[in-house]
Amino acid sequence: MGNGMNRVLPGLYVGNYRDSKDSAQLDRFKITHILAIHDAAKKLHSDKHYLCVLASDTPDQNLSQYFSLCNDFIHAARLRGGNVLIHCLAGMSRSVTIAVAYIMSVTSLNWKEALKVVRVGRSVANPNVGFQKQLQDFEYFKLQEERRRLKERFPSLALVVTDEEQCRIMLVSYQGLLLTRSLCEGDCALGQICPTGLCRATSRSYRSSGGSRKSSLRTTPRKLPATPVGSHACLARSSSAVNHLGNLGSMTSLGGRSKRELGMGGFYGSGSAPASRAGSRLDVSDIDSSPVPSLYSSHPKPMGSLCGPSVSRINSAPATPRGSPTPWRRSTLASSTIVEKLDS
């Protein structure tokens, strides 16, 4: 698109908007007539003959209504020995559609063959889907009438033989360019570099040489750690025990049970969800007991007796060495002290 205008037939060029403003190019190719077809087409050079057509590059834009007008402008200029530049903004769709319609009208080619002729001269030629459908309808319903009209309006046969021969030569060149991968028909495989840029843009994840996907650009999803399988499904309810185990190694003990047995992660159970309350209850006989200092007496008290038989979960206090529980005797020191104070 940025390599300048391209010759399609003798006296017929296709380019973009930048080419139409380049006076050096216009002088080098001896352009005398300019057909501008885009959204803001206007005359830019006072010494050139202009035909300005306002049209957008959308599939629903009707370009076929301008085919006859454009054919007259182009053919009259070529018969007088002039050179015509057809341009839009990019030189890919609208200008190419007008050039294809003209070649169909002055030769015996169908619309697909005429498009191949344009692509030999300008490899980026690629009308949008709507314009291709209009060219097909033009061939089926209006082409014969348009050819007859041009012969009546321009009886000269000066360009008939030369245009036909030139188109046949360019069709042969088209097949050779396909074989050498100099142009394509819009069907390049995924990951293959399109020589004309008409196909999908090559992804960055493909190497230009082999087309293999770069492994560095593919992100492998992270996997969750495997859930350890153990026979203990109890849940450590104490927040201090959970924090303590999260900071220690894999074998930190909690009440005689290792972290590996209790599980990994924030919850220490056999599964990904916390264990149930029923599973977190332990038998009272399994809880170790040790002398615990009392507020009122120095006699040891069993751990289970302090909390009662209904509270048997593992609390934040560490387990005590295993031993036989001693009977707890009620202290009379505190009660007697309270009675003396009341009597006084």
Protein backbone atom coordinates (compact mmCIF):
# COMPACT_ATOMS: atom_id res chain seq x y z
CA MET A 1 0.00 0.00 0.00
CA GLY A 2 2.93 2.37 0.53
CA ASN A 3 5.10 1.37 -2.48
CA GLY A 4 3.54 3.75 -4.94
CA MET A 5 0.97 3.33 -7.67
CA ASN A 6 0.96 0.21 -9.85
CA ARG A 7 0.25 -0.26 -13.53
CA VAL A 8 -2.58 -2.68 -14.28
CA LEU A 9 -2.95 -2.14 -18.04
CA PRO A 10 -1.22 0.24 -20.43
CA GLY A 11 -2.50 3.67 -19.43
CA LEU A 12 -4.29 2.38 -16.29
CA TYR A 13 -2.84 2.67 -12.75
CA VAL A 14 -4.18 1.91 -9.29
CA GLY A 15 -2.90 3.60 -6.14
CA ASN A 16 -3.83 5.13 -2.81
CA TYR A 17 -4.54 8.61 -1.55
CA ARG A 18 -0.88 9.38 -0.86
CA ASP A 19 0.01 8.50 -4.44
CA SER A 20 -2.61 10.92 -5.74
CA LYS A 21 -0.91 13.79 -3.86
CA ASP A 22 2.62 12.89 -4.92
CA SER A 23 3.41 15.20 -7.81
CA ALA A 24 6.69 13.41 -8.49
CA GLN A 25 4.90 10.11 -9.06
CA LEU A 26 2.24 11.72 -11.17
CA ASP A 27 4.88 13.27 -13.39
CA ARG A 28 6.98 10.08 -13.57
CA PHE A 29 4.04 7.98 -14.79
CA LYS A 30 2.63 10.86 -16.86
CA ILE A 31 -0.77 10.76 -15.20
CA THR A 32 -3.26 12.99 -16.98
CA HIS A 33 -6.57 11.80 -15.48
CA ILE A 34 -7.39 10.95 -11.87
CA LEU A 35 -10.45 9.03 -10.70
CA ALA A 36 -10.82 9.61 -6.95
CA ILE A 37 -13.31 7.39 -5.15
CA HIS A 38 -13.49 7.72 -1.37
CA ASP A 39 -15.41 9.52 1.37
CA ALA A 40 -13.89 12.97 0.73
CA ALA A 41 -12.89 12.83 -2.93
CA LYS A 42 -11.97 16.21 -4.36
CA LYS A 43 -9.71 17.79 -6.94
CA LEU A 44 -6.14 18.32 -5.72
CA HIS A 45 -4.21 19.19 -8.89
CA SER A 46 -5.43 21.89 -11.21
CA ASP A 47 -3.54 20.48 -14.20
CA LYS A 48 -5.26 17.05 -14.03
CA HIS A 49 -8.65 15.90 -15.26
CA TYR A 50 -10.71 14.61 -12.35
CA LEU A 51 -13.68 12.39 -11.72
CA CYS A 52 -14.62 12.43 -8.02
CA VAL A 53 -16.96 9.80 -6.62
CA LEU A 54 -18.04 9.94 -3.00
CA ALA A 55 -18.30 6.40 -1.67
CA SER A 56 -17.44 4.58 1.54
CA ASP A 57 -15.59 1.28 1.87
CA THR A 58 -18.49 -0.69 3.34
CA PRO A 59 -20.15 -3.84 1.94
CA ASP A 60 -23.52 -2.10 1.64
CA GLN A 61 -22.11 0.76 -0.44
CA ASN A 62 -23.50 0.56 -3.96
CA LEU A 63 -20.60 1.00 -6.38
CA SER A 64 -22.21 -0.69 -9.37
CA GLN A 65 -24.26 2.45 -10.01
CA TYR A 66 -21.01 4.25 -10.93
CA PHE A 67 -19.55 1.57 -13.19
CA SER A 68 -20.79 3.07 -16.45
CA LEU A 69 -19.72 6.59 -15.52
CA CYS A 70 -16.25 5.44 -14.52
CA ASN A 71 -15.89 3.28 -17.62
CA ASP A 72 -16.57 6.26 -19.87
CA PHE A 73 -14.04 8.42 -18.02
CA ILE A 74 -11.29 5.79 -18.11
CA HIS A 75 -11.82 4.57 -21.65
CA ALA A 76 -12.05 8.04 -23.15
CA ALA A 77 -8.79 9.07 -21.48
CA ARG A 78 -6.94 5.95 -22.65
CA LEU A 79 -8.19 6.32 -26.22
CA ARG A 80 -6.72 9.84 -26.27
CA GLY A 81 -3.36 8.51 -25.10
CA GLY A 82 -3.73 9.62 -21.49
CA ASN A 83 -2.82 7.75 -18.32
CA VAL A 84 -5.47 7.26 -15.65
CA LEU A 85 -4.90 6.82 -11.92
CA ILE A 86 -7.73 5.22 -9.96
CA HIS A 87 -7.27 5.72 -6.25
CA CYS A 88 -9.15 5.45 -2.96
CA LEU A 89 -7.62 5.72 0.48
CA ALA A 90 -5.65 2.45 0.68
CA GLY A 91 -5.78 1.36 -2.95
CA MET A 92 -7.21 -2.04 -2.03
CA SER A 93 -11.00 -2.12 -2.27
CA ARG A 94 -12.89 0.72 -3.94
CA SER A 95 -10.33 1.63 -6.57
CA VAL A 96 -9.71 -2.05 -7.34
CA THR A 97 -13.46 -2.66 -7.77
CA ILE A 98 -13.68 0.13 -10.36
CA ALA A 99 -10.61 -1.21 -12.18
CA VAL A 100 -12.03 -4.75 -12.25
CA ALA A 101 -15.38 -3.52 -13.60
CA TYR A 102 -13.60 -1.61 -16.35
CA ILE A 103 -11.42 -4.58 -17.39
CA MET A 104 -14.52 -6.78 -17.54
CA SER A 105 -16.24 -4.24 -19.75
CA VAL A 106 -13.45 -3.84 -22.34
CA THR A 107 -12.31 -7.49 -22.48
CA SER A 108 -13.86 -10.95 -22.44
CA LEU A 109 -12.76 -11.72 -18.87
CA ASN A 110 -15.10 -12.52 -16.01
CA TRP A 111 -14.83 -10.74 -12.67
CA LYS A 112 -12.52 -13.30 -11.06
CA GLU A 113 -10.11 -13.25 -13.98
CA ALA A 114 -10.17 -9.46 -14.06
CA LEU A 115 -9.35 -9.38 -10.34
CA LYS A 116 -6.37 -11.66 -10.97
CA VAL A 117 -5.10 -9.26 -13.61
CA VAL A 118 -5.29 -6.39 -11.12
CA ARG A 119 -3.55 -8.46 -8.45
CA VAL A 120 -0.63 -9.18 -10.76
CA GLY A 121 -0.03 -5.46 -11.00
CA ARG A 122 -1.09 -4.62 -7.43
CA SER A 123 -0.75 -7.55 -5.05
CA VAL A 124 -2.74 -5.96 -2.21
CA ALA A 125 -5.89 -5.72 -4.31
CA ASN A 126 -8.73 -7.07 -2.20
CA PRO A 127 -12.30 -5.73 -2.60
CA ASN A 128 -14.57 -6.27 0.36
CA VAL A 129 -17.24 -8.96 0.31
CA GLY A 130 -20.00 -6.57 -0.70
CA PHE A 131 -18.04 -5.23 -3.67
CA GLN A 132 -17.20 -8.74 -4.83
CA LYS A 133 -20.89 -9.60 -4.76
CA GLN A 134 -21.63 -6.49 -6.82
CA LEU A 135 -19.00 -7.49 -9.38
CA GLN A 136 -20.55 -10.94 -9.61
CA ASP A 137 -24.03 -9.50 -10.11
CA PHE A 138 -22.65 -7.07 -12.66
CA GLU A 139 -21.20 -9.99 -14.63
CA TYR A 140 -24.42 -12.00 -14.52
CA PHE A 141 -26.96 -9.28 -15.26
CA LYS A 142 -25.39 -6.14 -16.76
CA LEU A 143 -22.03 -6.97 -18.32
CA GLN A 144 -23.24 -7.79 -21.82
CA GLU A 145 -25.29 -4.63 -21.96
CA GLU A 146 -22.34 -2.54 -20.74
CA ARG A 147 -20.01 -4.02 -23.36
CA ARG A 148 -22.50 -3.23 -26.07
CA ARG A 149 -22.95 0.30 -24.80
CA LEU A 150 -19.17 0.96 -24.77
CA LYS A 151 -18.80 -0.30 -28.35
CA GLU A 152 -21.55 2.06 -29.48
CA ARG A 153 -20.11 5.03 -27.59
CA PHE A 154 -16.47 4.31 -28.48
CA PRO A 155 -16.37 2.59 -31.87
CA SER A 156 -12.56 2.67 -31.96
CA LEU A 157 -10.87 -0.73 -31.76
CA ALA A 158 -7.48 0.70 -30.85
CA LEU A 159 -7.37 -0.89 -27.39
CA VAL A 160 -9.35 -4.07 -27.92
CA VAL A 161 -6.56 -6.31 -29.18
CA THR A 162 -3.84 -4.95 -26.92
CA ASP A 163 -5.95 -5.16 -23.78
CA GLU A 164 -6.98 -8.73 -24.53
CA GLU A 165 -3.42 -9.83 -25.14
CA GLN A 166 -2.11 -8.04 -22.09
CA CYS A 167 -4.72 -9.65 -19.85
CA ARG A 168 -3.89 -13.14 -21.09
CA ILE A 169 -0.21 -12.57 -20.42
CA MET A 170 -0.96 -11.35 -16.91
CA LEU A 171 -3.16 -14.37 -16.18
CA VAL A 172 -0.24 -16.63 -17.03
CA SER A 173 1.98 -14.53 -14.78
CA TYR A 174 -0.59 -14.88 -12.00
CA GLN A 175 -0.17 -18.65 -11.89
CA GLY A 176 3.59 -18.29 -11.75
CA LEU A 177 3.36 -15.79 -8.90
CA LEU A 178 1.16 -18.19 -6.96
CA LEU A 179 3.73 -20.96 -7.34
CA THR A 180 6.58 -18.72 -6.20
CA ARG A 181 4.50 -17.42 -3.27
CA SER A 182 4.76 -13.84 -4.51
CA LEU A 183 1.01 -13.38 -3.98
CA CYS A 184 -1.88 -15.38 -2.62
CA GLU A 185 -5.61 -15.82 -3.03
CA GLY A 186 -6.40 -15.19 0.63
CA ASP A 187 -6.06 -18.80 1.76
CA CYS A 188 -2.71 -18.86 3.54
CA ALA A 189 -2.54 -21.46 6.29
CA LEU A 190 -2.54 -20.46 9.95
CA GLY A 191 0.96 -19.48 11.03
CA GLN A 192 2.16 -19.03 7.44
CA ILE A 193 3.37 -15.60 6.41
CA CYS A 194 1.13 -14.10 3.74
CA PRO A 195 3.25 -12.55 0.96
CA THR A 196 0.72 -9.79 0.35
CA GLY A 197 -0.72 -9.31 3.84
CA LEU A 198 -4.25 -10.14 2.67
CA CYS A 199 -4.65 -13.10 4.97
CA ARG A 200 -4.86 -13.03 8.75
CA ALA A 201 -2.04 -11.26 10.52
CA THR A 202 0.69 -13.63 11.60
CA SER A 203 0.56 -14.14 15.33
CA ARG A 204 3.55 -13.19 17.44
CA SER A 205 3.51 -16.67 18.84
CA TYR A 206 4.81 -18.10 15.57
CA ARG A 207 8.32 -18.04 14.29
CA SER A 208 8.76 -16.64 10.84
CA SER A 209 11.04 -19.49 9.81
CA GLY A 210 9.32 -22.68 10.83
CA GLY A 211 5.91 -21.53 12.00
CA SER A 212 6.21 -23.41 15.29
CA ARG A 213 4.64 -21.92 18.35
CA LYS A 214 6.99 -20.36 20.87
CA SER A 215 6.70 -22.08 24.17
CA SER A 216 7.65 -18.93 26.05
CA LEU A 217 4.46 -17.19 24.99
CA ARG A 218 2.20 -20.00 26.08
CA THR A 219 1.33 -19.86 29.73
CA THR A 220 0.72 -23.20 31.41
CA PRO A 221 -2.04 -22.98 34.02
CA ARG A 222 -0.82 -23.49 37.53
CA LYS A 223 -2.00 -26.63 39.29
CA LEU A 224 -3.21 -26.86 42.83
CA PRO A 225 -1.11 -29.02 45.19
CA ALA A 226 -2.23 -32.60 45.61
CA THR A 227 -4.47 -33.24 48.57
CA PRO A 228 -2.79 -35.56 51.09
CA VAL A 229 -4.66 -38.70 52.00
CA GLY A 230 -4.74 -39.53 55.69
CA SER A 231 -6.84 -41.30 58.23
CA HIS A 232 -7.26 -38.22 60.41
CA ALA A 233 -9.96 -35.83 59.31
CA CYS A 234 -10.08 -33.67 62.41
CA LEU A 235 -9.93 -29.92 62.03
CA ALA A 236 -7.64 -27.82 64.16
CA ARG A 237 -10.00 -25.14 65.40
CA SER A 238 -7.38 -23.00 67.12
CA SER A 239 -6.27 -20.00 65.04
CA SER A 240 -2.94 -19.91 66.82
CA ALA A 241 -2.32 -23.53 65.94
CA VAL A 242 -3.18 -22.86 62.28
CA ASN A 243 -0.83 -19.89 62.08
CA HIS A 244 1.84 -21.81 63.90
CA LEU A 245 1.65 -24.72 61.50
CA GLY A 246 1.61 -22.45 58.47
CA ASN A 247 4.98 -20.99 59.40
CA LEU A 248 6.73 -24.22 60.42
CA GLY A 249 8.02 -27.13 58.40
CA SER A 250 6.17 -30.11 57.12
CA MET A 251 6.51 -32.12 60.31
CA THR A 252 5.55 -29.61 63.00
CA SER A 253 3.53 -31.38 65.65
CA LEU A 254 0.17 -30.40 66.99
CA GLY A 255 -1.00 -32.44 69.96
CA GLY A 256 1.00 -35.45 68.81
CA ARG A 257 -0.25 -35.19 65.18
CA SER A 258 2.05 -34.03 62.41
CA LYS A 259 1.18 -31.43 59.80
CA ARG A 260 1.45 -34.10 57.16
CA GLU A 261 -1.29 -36.06 58.89
CA LEU A 262 -3.55 -33.07 59.39
CA GLY A 263 -3.28 -31.84 55.80
CA MET A 264 -1.93 -28.86 53.81
CA GLY A 265 -3.16 -25.32 53.36
CA GLY A 266 -5.26 -23.09 55.56
CA PHE A 267 -7.56 -25.92 56.62
CA TYR A 268 -6.00 -28.99 58.15
CA GLY A 269 -8.26 -31.78 57.00
CA SER A 270 -8.17 -34.61 54.52
CA GLY A 271 -10.09 -32.70 51.85
CA SER A 272 -10.29 -29.22 50.35
CA ALA A 273 -13.14 -28.20 52.65
CA PRO A 274 -13.15 -28.08 56.47
CA ALA A 275 -14.13 -31.21 58.29
CA SER A 276 -17.51 -31.45 59.93
CA ARG A 277 -18.12 -30.90 63.60
CA ALA A 278 -18.81 -34.57 64.14
CA GLY A 279 -15.47 -35.47 62.61
CA SER A 280 -13.64 -32.97 64.78
CA ARG A 281 -14.84 -34.46 68.05
CA LEU A 282 -12.49 -36.75 69.89
CA ASP A 283 -13.00 -39.32 72.59
CA VAL A 284 -12.41 -38.03 76.09
CA SER A 285 -10.25 -41.00 76.90
CA ASP A 286 -7.77 -40.00 74.15
CA ILE A 287 -7.05 -36.60 75.66
CA ASP A 288 -3.96 -36.40 77.77
CA SER A 289 -4.23 -34.91 81.21
CA SER A 290 -1.70 -33.18 83.37
CA PRO A 291 -1.80 -31.12 86.53
CA VAL A 292 -3.16 -27.66 85.78
CA PRO A 293 -2.75 -24.94 88.39
CA SER A 294 -6.02 -23.88 89.97
CA LEU A 295 -7.09 -20.46 91.01
CA TYR A 296 -8.09 -21.74 94.42
CA SER A 297 -5.96 -24.75 95.04
CA SER A 298 -2.60 -26.14 94.20
CA HIS A 299 -4.03 -29.61 93.55
CA PRO A 300 -3.71 -30.82 89.93
CA LYS A 301 -6.84 -30.95 87.82
CA PRO A 302 -7.46 -33.07 84.78
CA MET A 303 -7.81 -31.12 81.49
CA GLY A 304 -11.06 -32.82 80.65
CA SER A 305 -12.52 -32.02 84.03
CA LEU A 306 -11.88 -28.31 83.59
CA CYS A 307 -13.89 -28.10 80.39
CA GLY A 308 -16.45 -30.76 81.13
CA PRO A 309 -17.22 -33.87 79.14
CA SER A 310 -19.12 -31.98 76.39
CA VAL A 311 -16.08 -29.89 75.37
CA SER A 312 -13.56 -32.29 73.92
CA ARG A 313 -12.03 -30.45 70.95
CA ILE A 314 -8.37 -29.65 70.71
CA ASN A 315 -7.84 -26.19 72.14
CA SER A 316 -4.92 -23.87 71.69
CA ALA A 317 -3.14 -25.24 74.79
CA PRO A 318 -0.56 -27.91 73.94
CA ALA A 319 -1.22 -31.48 74.95
CA THR A 320 0.35 -32.68 78.17
CA PRO A 321 2.29 -35.89 78.70
CA ARG A 322 0.19 -38.98 78.94
CA GLY A 323 -0.52 -40.21 82.49
CA SER A 324 -3.23 -41.50 84.72
CA PRO A 325 -5.62 -38.78 85.85
CA THR A 326 -5.70 -38.11 89.58
CA PRO A 327 -8.98 -37.43 91.37
CA TRP A 328 -9.60 -33.75 91.86
CA ARG A 329 -10.46 -32.77 95.36
CA ARG A 330 -12.46 -29.71 96.08
CA SER A 331 -10.43 -27.14 97.88
CA THR A 332 -11.86 -25.75 101.04
CA LEU A 333 -9.31 -23.01 101.40
CA ALA A 334 -11.06 -20.53 99.19
CA SER A 335 -14.50 -21.31 100.55
CA SER A 336 -13.38 -20.98 104.15
CA THR A 337 -11.72 -17.70 103.37
CA ILE A 338 -14.91 -16.38 101.83
CA VAL A 339 -16.96 -17.51 104.85
CA GLU A 340 -14.59 -15.76 107.27
CA LYS A 341 -14.88 -12.55 105.32
CA LEU A 342 -18.65 -12.74 105.30
CA ASP A 343 -18.76 -13.39 109.05
CA SER A 344 -16.55 -10.46 109.73
